[in-house]
Amino acid sequence: MRFEDFNRVCASLPHTTHVVQWGGSQVWKVGGKVFAIGSGGEDLAISFKCSEIAFDILKEQPGLRPAPYLASRGMKWIQRQTAEAMDDDALADYLAESHRLVAAGLTKKVRAELGL
């Protein structure tokens, strides 16, 4: 997945915002909370939140790893480094699920304000 594709997928999800931070990373948020991070140059690494079960399965797959910094703090985040174990269509599905998980964790007030 290229940066353009990553940004297109994330922008298609409801009520998202985009910022560039942390040394040039493409950071996508819903309700002010991060749900996806794209970093790197030619070799785009994409980090996303996932369920505990998905985390336990994905962290063992080639081309995937617990997301640096986030997973070391107990958060269930995976980083896809290559398409070896996860193609772009599956990654798009995980990005949508990450968005859903993060949106579900927002306060009722914020969800109502966003129409989620």
C-alpha atoms as a PDB file:
ATOM      1  CA  MET A   1       0.000   0.000   0.000  1.00  0.00           C
ATOM      2  CA  ARG A   2       1.285   3.423  -0.937  1.00  0.00           C
ATOM      3  CA  PHE A   3       0.800   6.591   1.129  1.00  0.00           C
ATOM      4  CA  GLU A   4      -1.901   7.781  -1.296  1.00  0.00           C
ATOM      5  CA  ASP A   5      -3.836   4.532  -0.857  1.00  0.00           C
ATOM      6  CA  PHE A   6      -3.419   4.582   2.926  1.00  0.00           C
ATOM      7  CA  ASN A   7      -4.638   8.173   3.126  1.00  0.00           C
ATOM      8  CA  ARG A   8      -7.558   7.460   0.763  1.00  0.00           C
ATOM      9  CA  VAL A   9      -8.739   4.484   2.852  1.00  0.00           C
ATOM     10  CA  CYS A  10      -8.506   6.423   6.116  1.00  0.00           C
ATOM     11  CA  ALA A  11     -10.167   9.532   4.642  1.00  0.00           C
ATOM     12  CA  SER A  12     -13.119   7.414   3.495  1.00  0.00           C
ATOM     13  CA  LEU A  13     -13.999   6.501   7.084  1.00  0.00           C
ATOM     14  CA  PRO A  14     -16.539   8.659   8.971  1.00  0.00           C
ATOM     15  CA  HIS A  15     -15.448  11.787  10.842  1.00  0.00           C
ATOM     16  CA  THR A  16     -11.695  11.348  10.441  1.00  0.00           C
ATOM     17  CA  THR A  17      -9.014  13.987  10.712  1.00  0.00           C
ATOM     18  CA  HIS A  18      -5.464  13.856   9.403  1.00  0.00           C
ATOM     19  CA  VAL A  19      -2.289  15.384  10.774  1.00  0.00           C
ATOM     20  CA  VAL A  20       1.397  14.971  10.081  1.00  0.00           C
ATOM     21  CA  GLN A  21       3.318  14.562  13.323  1.00  0.00           C
ATOM     22  CA  TRP A  22       5.982  12.483  15.064  1.00  0.00           C
ATOM     23  CA  GLY A  23       8.713  13.074  12.506  1.00  0.00           C
ATOM     24  CA  GLY A  24       6.537  13.138   9.402  1.00  0.00           C
ATOM     25  CA  SER A  25       4.144  10.280  10.135  1.00  0.00           C
ATOM     26  CA  GLN A  26       0.684  10.378   8.556  1.00  0.00           C
ATOM     27  CA  VAL A  27      -1.624  10.177  11.589  1.00  0.00           C
ATOM     28  CA  TRP A  28      -5.372   9.548  11.279  1.00  0.00           C
ATOM     29  CA  LYS A  29      -7.793  10.229  14.115  1.00  0.00           C
ATOM     30  CA  VAL A  30     -11.465   9.921  14.934  1.00  0.00           C
ATOM     31  CA  GLY A  31     -12.815  12.138  17.714  1.00  0.00           C
ATOM     32  CA  GLY A  32      -9.254  13.285  18.415  1.00  0.00           C
ATOM     33  CA  LYS A  33      -8.028   9.720  19.080  1.00  0.00           C
ATOM     34  CA  VAL A  34      -5.486   7.987  16.830  1.00  0.00           C
ATOM     35  CA  PHE A  35      -6.650   4.943  14.875  1.00  0.00           C
ATOM     36  CA  ALA A  36      -3.923   4.633  12.194  1.00  0.00           C
ATOM     37  CA  ILE A  37      -0.332   5.740  11.641  1.00  0.00           C
ATOM     38  CA  GLY A  38       1.625   5.544   8.392  1.00  0.00           C
ATOM     39  CA  SER A  39       5.371   6.108   8.544  1.00  0.00           C
ATOM     40  CA  GLY A  40       8.487   5.542   6.513  1.00  0.00           C
ATOM     41  CA  GLY A  41       9.471   6.280   2.961  1.00  0.00           C
ATOM     42  CA  GLU A  42       9.374   3.745   0.137  1.00  0.00           C
ATOM     43  CA  ASP A  43       8.697   0.992   2.677  1.00  0.00           C
ATOM     44  CA  LEU A  44       5.508   2.279   4.257  1.00  0.00           C
ATOM     45  CA  ALA A  45       4.851   0.873   7.720  1.00  0.00           C
ATOM     46  CA  ILE A  46       1.232   1.116   8.865  1.00  0.00           C
ATOM     47  CA  SER A  47       0.170   0.772  12.497  1.00  0.00           C
ATOM     48  CA  PHE A  48      -3.400   0.177  13.629  1.00  0.00           C
ATOM     49  CA  LYS A  49      -5.378  -0.787  16.717  1.00  0.00           C
ATOM     50  CA  CYS A  50      -6.898  -4.269  16.826  1.00  0.00           C
ATOM     51  CA  SER A  51      -8.736  -6.618  19.154  1.00  0.00           C
ATOM     52  CA  GLU A  52      -6.821  -8.696  21.663  1.00  0.00           C
ATOM     53  CA  ILE A  53      -7.465 -11.896  19.693  1.00  0.00           C
ATOM     54  CA  ALA A  54      -6.356 -10.306  16.402  1.00  0.00           C
ATOM     55  CA  PHE A  55      -3.248  -8.934  18.116  1.00  0.00           C
ATOM     56  CA  ASP A  56      -2.284 -12.380  19.424  1.00  0.00           C
ATOM     57  CA  ILE A  57      -2.653 -13.899  15.948  1.00  0.00           C
ATOM     58  CA  LEU A  58      -1.187 -11.094  13.852  1.00  0.00           C
ATOM     59  CA  LYS A  59       1.938 -10.482  15.926  1.00  0.00           C
ATOM     60  CA  GLU A  60       3.197 -13.945  14.906  1.00  0.00           C
ATOM     61  CA  GLN A  61       2.721 -13.429  11.148  1.00  0.00           C
ATOM     62  CA  PRO A  62       5.593 -12.557   8.786  1.00  0.00           C
ATOM     63  CA  GLY A  63       5.671  -8.881   7.828  1.00  0.00           C
ATOM     64  CA  LEU A  64       3.692  -7.899  10.944  1.00  0.00           C
ATOM     65  CA  ARG A  65       4.834  -7.013  14.456  1.00  0.00           C
ATOM     66  CA  PRO A  66       3.577  -5.354  17.608  1.00  0.00           C
ATOM     67  CA  ALA A  67       3.647  -1.630  16.856  1.00  0.00           C
ATOM     68  CA  PRO A  68       6.730   0.053  18.316  1.00  0.00           C
ATOM     69  CA  TYR A  69       6.055   2.222  21.379  1.00  0.00           C
ATOM     70  CA  LEU A  70       2.307   1.500  21.442  1.00  0.00           C
ATOM     71  CA  ALA A  71       2.433  -2.259  21.999  1.00  0.00           C
ATOM     72  CA  SER A  72       5.269  -1.903  24.492  1.00  0.00           C
ATOM     73  CA  ARG A  73       2.836   0.104  26.642  1.00  0.00           C
ATOM     74  CA  GLY A  74       0.258  -2.666  26.651  1.00  0.00           C
ATOM     75  CA  MET A  75      -1.847  -1.339  23.788  1.00  0.00           C
ATOM     76  CA  LYS A  76      -3.070  -3.804  21.155  1.00  0.00           C
ATOM     77  CA  TRP A  77      -1.534  -2.231  18.081  1.00  0.00           C
ATOM     78  CA  ILE A  78       0.027  -4.024  15.093  1.00  0.00           C
ATOM     79  CA  GLN A  79       2.404  -2.623  12.503  1.00  0.00           C
ATOM     80  CA  ARG A  80       2.350  -3.998   8.966  1.00  0.00           C
ATOM     81  CA  GLN A  81       5.821  -3.675   7.490  1.00  0.00           C
ATOM     82  CA  THR A  82       5.288  -5.764   4.344  1.00  0.00           C
ATOM     83  CA  ALA A  83       2.375  -7.304   2.464  1.00  0.00           C
ATOM     84  CA  GLU A  84       3.819 -10.784   3.083  1.00  0.00           C
ATOM     85  CA  ALA A  85       1.041 -11.907   5.452  1.00  0.00           C
ATOM     86  CA  MET A  86      -1.577  -9.189   4.867  1.00  0.00           C
ATOM     87  CA  ASP A  87      -2.565  -7.831   1.459  1.00  0.00           C
ATOM     88  CA  ASP A  88      -3.870  -4.310   0.930  1.00  0.00           C
ATOM     89  CA  ASP A  89      -7.544  -5.358   0.982  1.00  0.00           C
ATOM     90  CA  ALA A  90      -7.124  -7.070   4.359  1.00  0.00           C
ATOM     91  CA  LEU A  91      -5.194  -4.044   5.636  1.00  0.00           C
ATOM     92  CA  ALA A  92      -8.061  -1.755   4.578  1.00  0.00           C
ATOM     93  CA  ASP A  93     -10.444  -3.982   6.556  1.00  0.00           C
ATOM     94  CA  TYR A  94      -8.194  -3.770   9.639  1.00  0.00           C
ATOM     95  CA  LEU A  95      -7.998   0.021   9.285  1.00  0.00           C
ATOM     96  CA  ALA A  96     -11.802   0.185   9.251  1.00  0.00           C
ATOM     97  CA  GLU A  97     -11.934  -2.068  12.314  1.00  0.00           C
ATOM     98  CA  SER A  98      -9.341   0.100  14.072  1.00  0.00           C
ATOM     99  CA  HIS A  99     -11.523   3.134  13.343  1.00  0.00           C
ATOM    100  CA  ARG A 100     -14.553   1.292  14.761  1.00  0.00           C
ATOM    101  CA  LEU A 101     -12.680   0.228  17.923  1.00  0.00           C
ATOM    102  CA  VAL A 102     -11.366   3.726  18.599  1.00  0.00           C
ATOM    103  CA  ALA A 103     -14.754   5.354  17.870  1.00  0.00           C
ATOM    104  CA  ALA A 104     -16.447   2.888  20.234  1.00  0.00           C
ATOM    105  CA  GLY A 105     -14.062   4.008  22.982  1.00  0.00           C
ATOM    106  CA  LEU A 106     -15.023   7.673  22.676  1.00  0.00           C
ATOM    107  CA  THR A 107     -17.331   9.190  25.247  1.00  0.00           C
ATOM    108  CA  LYS A 108     -21.065   9.095  24.549  1.00  0.00           C
ATOM    109  CA  LYS A 109     -21.020  12.856  24.211  1.00  0.00           C
ATOM    110  CA  VAL A 110     -18.282  12.857  21.558  1.00  0.00           C
ATOM    111  CA  ARG A 111     -19.920   9.975  19.666  1.00  0.00           C
ATOM    112  CA  ALA A 112     -23.212  11.883  19.670  1.00  0.00           C
ATOM    113  CA  GLU A 113     -21.497  15.084  18.474  1.00  0.00           C
ATOM    114  CA  LEU A 114     -19.927  13.136  15.617  1.00  0.00           C
ATOM    115  CA  GLY A 115     -23.076  11.228  14.800  1.00  0.00           C
ATOM    116  CA  LEU A 116     -21.445   7.881  15.519  1.00  0.00           C
END
